[in-house]
Amino acid sequence: MPISANKLLFVQCLISCVTVAISAGHGHFSPPILPRFTDLFPHLTFNGSYSEFFGGPTKVRPSNDGSRIDLILDKSSGSGFVSKDHYYYGFFSAAIKLPPDYTAGVVVAFYMSNADVSPHTHDEIDFELLGHEKRKEWALQTNVYGNGSSTGREEKFYLWFDPTQEYHRYSILWNQHHIVFLVDNIPIREVNHSQAMSGAYPSKPMAVYSTIWDGSKWATHGGKRPVDYKYAPFQVSFTELEMDGCKWNRTMPVPLCSKNGQDDQSSSDPITGDEFVSLSQQQKVGMEQVRKSFMFYSYCEDRARFSVLPPECNERK
């Protein structure tokens, strides 16, 4: 039965309106069903794998069984915890529930770094969640630094859920092939280890950090909305901690499991297999869906900041 002109116009309008709403980051979004990397690795306890980074015992609060850790930010300081080991490559993940209400200026970070052992040539892979005036308006920033590079490679996203109501998983896959940022097992960003990235690609063993701190000078509207401590204390909760990779032994010149993905006789790299080498076509489609709908900043599109874009930006065209 033919569709009438009025019905066709209505359908076209409906599709257009839904597309605009999703693109703005506030409409209904059905996340694609993709392979769940977080199902492949065990959950860790705080005491067995992590230690306090800063803030003291009143602000770094593991549960009795160590399966959940709460971090506190108040006017005196923020807080954080850090992995006991450094890793050459691997899979690193945490389920995070963010503080509610007014959180402008607050930064919650889940990241990797080796600034403790390589302060002038450090590498870093960052998830940074940036607070806002309204609980649903948290922004997600990802970043990559390599070998002390001062060039931030930021990309920023809206979220398609309220991150204060439930736990959501934020995961980093890092190996010699690529870095993949995932949210609830959906890839949102891939950084390929290409010739263009060269020394800017993180390549030294890193520890895993989780923190909450005062980012008043830049986090919300470029610093126009500082932390308002009348809403303090701000509490963020972490659970389902996963961390599996090639551990760094500081007494050995090379890692026990090789960085080229080939197992040696003494140990094996747990992050091997085709699923870790490259994204599947299904994952690529899901990633592009998220990026098209929710990414609102990429350094590769910032001509005001870069007179010449970083070389890897040309590979993406």
Protein backbone atom coordinates (compact mmCIF):
# COMPACT_ATOMS: atom_id res chain seq x y z
CA MET A 1 0.00 0.00 0.00
CA PRO A 2 1.59 3.34 -1.06
CA ILE A 3 2.54 5.80 1.67
CA SER A 4 0.68 9.08 1.46
CA ALA A 5 2.62 12.31 1.02
CA ASN A 6 1.63 13.47 4.50
CA LYS A 7 2.78 10.20 6.11
CA LEU A 8 6.05 10.30 4.20
CA LEU A 9 6.64 13.89 5.33
CA PHE A 10 5.90 12.87 8.93
CA VAL A 11 8.36 9.95 8.79
CA GLN A 12 11.07 12.15 7.28
CA CYS A 13 10.52 14.79 9.94
CA LEU A 14 10.60 12.17 12.71
CA ILE A 15 13.90 10.75 11.45
CA SER A 16 15.35 14.24 11.19
CA CYS A 17 14.24 15.21 14.69
CA VAL A 18 15.62 12.03 16.25
CA THR A 19 18.93 12.52 14.44
CA VAL A 20 19.21 16.11 15.69
CA ALA A 21 18.36 15.07 19.26
CA ILE A 22 20.92 12.27 19.30
CA SER A 23 23.57 14.49 17.74
CA ALA A 24 23.06 17.00 20.53
CA GLY A 25 23.79 14.27 23.08
CA HIS A 26 20.41 14.53 24.78
CA GLY A 27 18.15 12.23 22.77
CA HIS A 28 17.35 8.54 23.07
CA PHE A 29 20.29 6.36 22.15
CA SER A 30 20.31 2.59 21.96
CA PRO A 31 23.89 1.45 22.50
CA PRO A 32 25.01 -1.24 20.08
CA ILE A 33 25.51 -4.76 21.44
CA LEU A 34 29.22 -5.49 21.05
CA PRO A 35 31.74 -8.00 22.43
CA ARG A 36 32.31 -7.42 26.14
CA PHE A 37 36.02 -7.15 26.85
CA THR A 38 35.23 -6.67 30.54
CA ASP A 39 33.93 -10.26 30.70
CA LEU A 40 37.38 -11.60 29.82
CA PHE A 41 39.28 -10.42 32.91
CA PRO A 42 38.93 -10.98 36.67
CA HIS A 43 37.81 -8.33 39.14
CA LEU A 44 40.51 -7.28 41.60
CA THR A 45 40.42 -6.16 45.22
CA PHE A 46 41.87 -2.94 46.51
CA ASN A 47 44.31 -4.37 49.05
CA GLY A 48 45.67 -6.94 46.64
CA SER A 49 46.36 -4.65 43.70
CA TYR A 50 46.22 -0.98 44.75
CA SER A 51 47.39 1.41 47.43
CA GLU A 52 46.57 4.95 48.51
CA PHE A 53 47.98 7.63 46.21
CA PHE A 54 46.97 10.74 48.19
CA GLY A 55 44.21 12.03 50.46
CA GLY A 56 44.60 9.80 53.51
CA PRO A 57 42.38 7.05 54.93
CA THR A 58 39.45 9.39 55.56
CA LYS A 59 39.20 10.08 51.82
CA VAL A 60 40.33 6.77 50.29
CA ARG A 61 37.70 4.35 51.55
CA PRO A 62 37.77 0.73 50.37
CA SER A 63 34.85 -1.50 51.32
CA ASN A 64 35.49 -4.32 53.79
CA ASP A 65 35.98 -6.86 51.00
CA GLY A 66 37.97 -4.42 48.84
CA SER A 67 35.61 -4.73 45.88
CA ARG A 68 34.60 -1.04 45.95
CA ILE A 69 36.58 2.12 46.69
CA ASP A 70 35.09 5.54 47.43
CA LEU A 71 37.16 8.67 46.90
CA ILE A 72 36.36 12.05 48.48
CA LEU A 73 37.02 15.65 47.43
CA ASP A 74 36.45 18.43 49.94
CA LYS A 75 37.91 21.87 50.49
CA SER A 76 41.08 20.48 52.07
CA SER A 77 42.06 18.14 49.22
CA GLY A 78 41.08 15.49 46.74
CA SER A 79 42.15 11.85 46.87
CA GLY A 80 43.29 8.93 44.78
CA PHE A 81 44.66 5.40 44.61
CA VAL A 82 47.27 3.76 42.37
CA SER A 83 48.16 0.27 41.21
CA LYS A 84 51.01 -1.49 43.00
CA ASP A 85 52.50 -2.59 39.67
CA HIS A 86 53.45 -0.97 36.35
CA TYR A 87 52.48 -2.65 33.10
CA TYR A 88 53.79 -3.00 29.57
CA TYR A 89 50.50 -2.96 27.68
CA GLY A 90 47.26 -4.59 28.82
CA PHE A 91 43.57 -4.08 29.59
CA PHE A 92 42.55 -1.72 32.38
CA SER A 93 38.99 -0.99 33.46
CA ALA A 94 36.81 0.38 36.25
CA ALA A 95 33.10 0.79 36.78
CA ILE A 96 32.56 4.32 38.08
CA LYS A 97 29.61 6.10 39.66
CA LEU A 98 30.03 9.87 39.72
CA PRO A 99 28.95 12.35 42.41
CA PRO A 100 25.46 13.85 41.88
CA ASP A 101 24.12 17.40 41.92
CA TYR A 102 26.32 20.44 41.23
CA THR A 103 29.84 19.31 40.32
CA ALA A 104 31.28 22.13 38.20
CA GLY A 105 35.06 22.18 38.43
CA VAL A 106 35.29 18.62 39.74
CA VAL A 107 37.53 16.19 37.82
CA VAL A 108 37.34 12.42 38.19
CA ALA A 109 40.21 10.67 36.41
CA PHE A 110 40.95 7.06 35.53
CA TYR A 111 44.29 7.02 33.78
CA MET A 112 47.72 5.49 33.23
CA SER A 113 51.05 7.25 33.71
CA ASN A 114 54.74 6.72 34.40
CA ALA A 115 55.49 10.26 35.60
CA ASP A 116 56.69 8.73 38.87
CA VAL A 117 59.64 7.00 37.17
CA SER A 118 60.03 9.09 33.98
CA PRO A 119 59.10 12.64 35.03
CA HIS A 120 60.59 14.35 31.95
CA THR A 121 59.72 11.72 29.34
CA HIS A 122 56.51 10.34 30.74
CA ASP A 123 53.66 8.64 28.91
CA GLU A 124 49.99 8.98 29.77
CA ILE A 125 46.59 7.61 28.70
CA ASP A 126 43.64 9.47 30.25
CA PHE A 127 39.97 9.23 30.94
CA GLU A 128 38.89 12.50 32.61
CA LEU A 129 35.28 13.08 33.61
CA LEU A 130 34.50 16.77 33.93
CA GLY A 131 31.77 17.97 36.28
CA HIS A 132 28.98 20.35 35.39
CA GLU A 133 26.14 22.39 36.84
CA LYS A 134 23.66 19.60 36.11
CA ARG A 135 24.25 15.96 36.92
CA LYS A 136 23.51 14.73 33.39
CA GLU A 137 25.93 17.16 31.79
CA TRP A 138 29.22 15.52 32.79
CA ALA A 139 31.66 15.55 29.87
CA LEU A 140 34.17 12.83 29.09
CA GLN A 141 37.66 13.82 27.91
CA THR A 142 40.22 11.35 26.57
CA ASN A 143 43.88 12.16 26.08
CA VAL A 144 47.18 10.56 25.07
CA TYR A 145 50.75 11.71 25.74
CA GLY A 146 53.96 9.97 24.72
CA ASN A 147 57.59 10.40 25.73
CA GLY A 148 57.07 13.73 27.46
CA SER A 149 55.24 15.31 24.54
CA SER A 150 53.57 18.60 25.46
CA THR A 151 50.97 18.14 22.72
CA GLY A 152 47.67 17.06 24.23
CA ARG A 153 45.60 14.89 21.94
CA GLU A 154 42.24 15.54 23.52
CA GLU A 155 38.85 14.35 22.34
CA LYS A 156 35.70 15.21 24.28
CA PHE A 157 32.32 13.48 24.38
CA TYR A 158 28.88 13.91 25.81
CA LEU A 159 27.52 10.83 27.58
CA TRP A 160 24.39 9.02 26.51
CA PHE A 161 23.43 8.20 30.11
CA ASP A 162 23.30 9.80 33.55
CA PRO A 163 26.68 8.81 35.06
CA THR A 164 25.54 9.65 38.60
CA GLN A 165 22.72 7.09 38.81
CA GLU A 166 24.50 3.82 38.05
CA TYR A 167 27.97 2.41 37.51
CA HIS A 168 29.36 2.56 33.99
CA ARG A 169 32.54 0.91 32.74
CA TYR A 170 35.47 2.94 31.43
CA SER A 171 38.18 0.79 29.86
CA ILE A 172 41.57 1.18 28.19
CA LEU A 173 43.07 -1.39 25.83
CA TRP A 174 46.73 -0.62 25.17
CA ASN A 175 49.17 -2.69 23.15
CA GLN A 176 51.73 -2.30 20.38
CA HIS A 177 48.97 -2.03 17.78
CA HIS A 178 46.60 0.57 19.16
CA ILE A 179 45.02 2.27 22.16
CA VAL A 180 41.26 1.87 22.43
CA PHE A 181 39.06 3.84 24.83
CA LEU A 182 35.80 2.05 25.63
CA VAL A 183 32.68 3.05 27.58
CA ASP A 184 30.44 0.15 28.58
CA ASN A 185 32.45 -1.98 26.13
CA ILE A 186 31.71 0.36 23.22
CA PRO A 187 34.85 1.77 21.56
CA ILE A 188 34.68 5.55 21.45
CA ARG A 189 38.23 6.28 20.29
CA GLU A 190 41.10 4.39 18.67
CA VAL A 191 44.70 5.66 18.49
CA ASN A 192 46.76 3.58 16.10
CA HIS A 193 50.47 2.95 16.64
CA SER A 194 51.44 4.40 13.29
CA GLN A 195 54.57 5.94 11.85
CA ALA A 196 52.88 9.33 12.17
CA MET A 197 52.48 8.90 15.94
CA SER A 198 56.13 7.84 16.25
CA GLY A 199 57.54 8.79 19.68
CA ALA A 200 54.23 10.28 20.78
CA TYR A 201 52.80 6.77 21.20
CA PRO A 202 52.98 5.60 24.85
CA SER A 203 55.54 2.82 25.01
CA LYS A 204 56.96 2.66 28.55
CA PRO A 205 55.43 0.72 31.47
CA MET A 206 52.75 2.65 33.32
CA ALA A 207 50.81 2.43 36.56
CA VAL A 208 47.03 2.85 36.82
CA TYR A 209 45.57 5.78 38.78
CA SER A 210 42.09 6.77 39.96
CA THR A 211 41.58 10.26 41.39
CA ILE A 212 39.12 13.03 42.22
CA TRP A 213 40.45 16.58 42.39
CA ASP A 214 39.75 20.29 41.97
CA GLY A 215 40.01 21.36 38.33
CA SER A 216 38.43 24.78 38.86
CA LYS A 217 40.89 26.53 36.54
CA TRP A 218 39.87 24.63 33.41
CA ALA A 219 37.41 21.75 33.80
CA THR A 220 34.02 23.45 33.30
CA HIS A 221 33.50 26.09 30.61
CA GLY A 222 37.23 26.75 30.51
CA GLY A 223 37.37 27.59 34.21
CA LYS A 224 34.32 29.87 34.33
CA ARG A 225 32.57 27.54 36.78
CA PRO A 226 34.85 26.66 39.73
CA VAL A 227 34.13 24.08 42.42
CA ASP A 228 31.45 25.25 44.86
CA TYR A 229 32.32 23.61 48.16
CA LYS A 230 28.92 24.17 49.67
CA TYR A 231 28.04 20.96 47.77
CA ALA A 232 31.01 19.09 49.26
CA PRO A 233 32.01 16.44 50.05
CA PHE A 234 32.03 15.08 46.52
CA GLN A 235 32.19 11.28 46.44
CA VAL A 236 33.01 9.03 43.49
CA SER A 237 32.81 5.23 43.69
CA PHE A 238 34.87 2.63 41.80
CA THR A 239 34.14 -1.08 41.47
CA GLU A 240 34.69 -3.99 39.03
CA LEU A 241 38.37 -3.06 38.87
CA GLU A 242 40.21 -4.96 36.12
CA MET A 243 43.91 -4.78 35.34
CA ASP A 244 45.66 -7.44 33.29
CA GLY A 245 48.79 -7.10 31.23
CA CYS A 246 52.51 -7.60 31.18
CA LYS A 247 53.85 -6.55 34.59
CA TRP A 248 57.08 -4.58 34.71
CA ASN A 249 59.89 -6.06 36.76
CA ARG A 250 62.22 -3.17 37.52
CA THR A 251 65.19 -5.50 37.97
CA MET A 252 64.97 -6.86 34.42
CA PRO A 253 65.95 -5.03 31.22
CA VAL A 254 63.07 -6.58 29.24
CA PRO A 255 59.54 -7.57 30.31
CA LEU A 256 58.79 -11.18 31.19
CA CYS A 257 56.22 -11.27 28.43
CA SER A 258 57.42 -9.78 25.20
CA LYS A 259 56.05 -6.52 23.83
CA ASN A 260 55.65 -7.90 20.31
CA GLY A 261 52.82 -10.20 21.30
CA GLN A 262 54.91 -13.38 21.10
CA ASP A 263 54.93 -15.53 24.20
CA ASP A 264 58.28 -16.52 25.66
CA GLN A 265 58.97 -19.60 27.75
CA SER A 266 58.85 -17.88 31.11
CA SER A 267 55.52 -16.11 30.82
CA SER A 268 52.79 -15.14 28.41
CA ASP A 269 51.10 -11.90 27.52
CA PRO A 270 47.42 -12.10 28.54
CA ILE A 271 46.44 -9.50 25.94
CA THR A 272 46.95 -11.59 22.82
CA GLY A 273 44.60 -12.68 20.07
CA ASP A 274 42.96 -11.15 17.04
CA GLU A 275 40.32 -9.35 19.12
CA PHE A 276 43.07 -7.22 20.69
CA VAL A 277 44.99 -6.52 17.48
CA SER A 278 42.28 -4.63 15.64
CA LEU A 279 38.65 -3.65 16.04
CA SER A 280 36.04 -5.79 14.33
CA GLN A 281 33.84 -4.25 11.69
CA GLN A 282 30.99 -4.36 14.18
CA GLN A 283 33.07 -2.46 16.74
CA LYS A 284 34.13 0.11 14.14
CA VAL A 285 30.50 0.77 13.22
CA GLY A 286 29.58 1.17 16.90
CA MET A 287 32.50 3.54 17.46
CA GLU A 288 31.56 5.72 14.52
CA GLN A 289 27.97 5.82 15.73
CA VAL A 290 29.09 7.18 19.10
CA ARG A 291 31.61 9.59 17.63
CA LYS A 292 29.12 11.03 15.16
CA SER A 293 26.47 11.50 17.81
CA PHE A 294 28.40 12.47 20.94
CA MET A 295 31.91 13.75 20.22
CA PHE A 296 32.00 17.54 20.45
CA TYR A 297 35.74 18.24 20.31
CA SER A 298 38.74 16.68 18.58
CA TYR A 299 42.23 18.13 18.51
CA CYS A 300 42.44 17.07 14.87
CA GLU A 301 39.76 19.62 14.02
CA ASP A 302 41.18 22.49 16.06
CA ARG A 303 42.75 24.78 13.47
CA ALA A 304 42.77 27.68 15.92
CA ARG A 305 45.06 25.72 18.22
CA PHE A 306 47.30 24.10 15.59
CA SER A 307 48.65 26.03 12.60
CA VAL A 308 49.81 22.61 11.40
CA LEU A 309 47.80 19.65 12.63
CA PRO A 310 49.70 16.76 14.26
CA PRO A 311 50.74 14.31 11.53
CA GLU A 312 48.48 11.45 12.62
CA CYS A 313 45.43 13.64 11.92
CA ASN A 314 46.12 13.33 8.20
CA GLU A 315 45.85 9.54 8.42
CA ARG A 316 42.26 9.79 9.58
CA LYS A 317 41.07 11.64 6.50
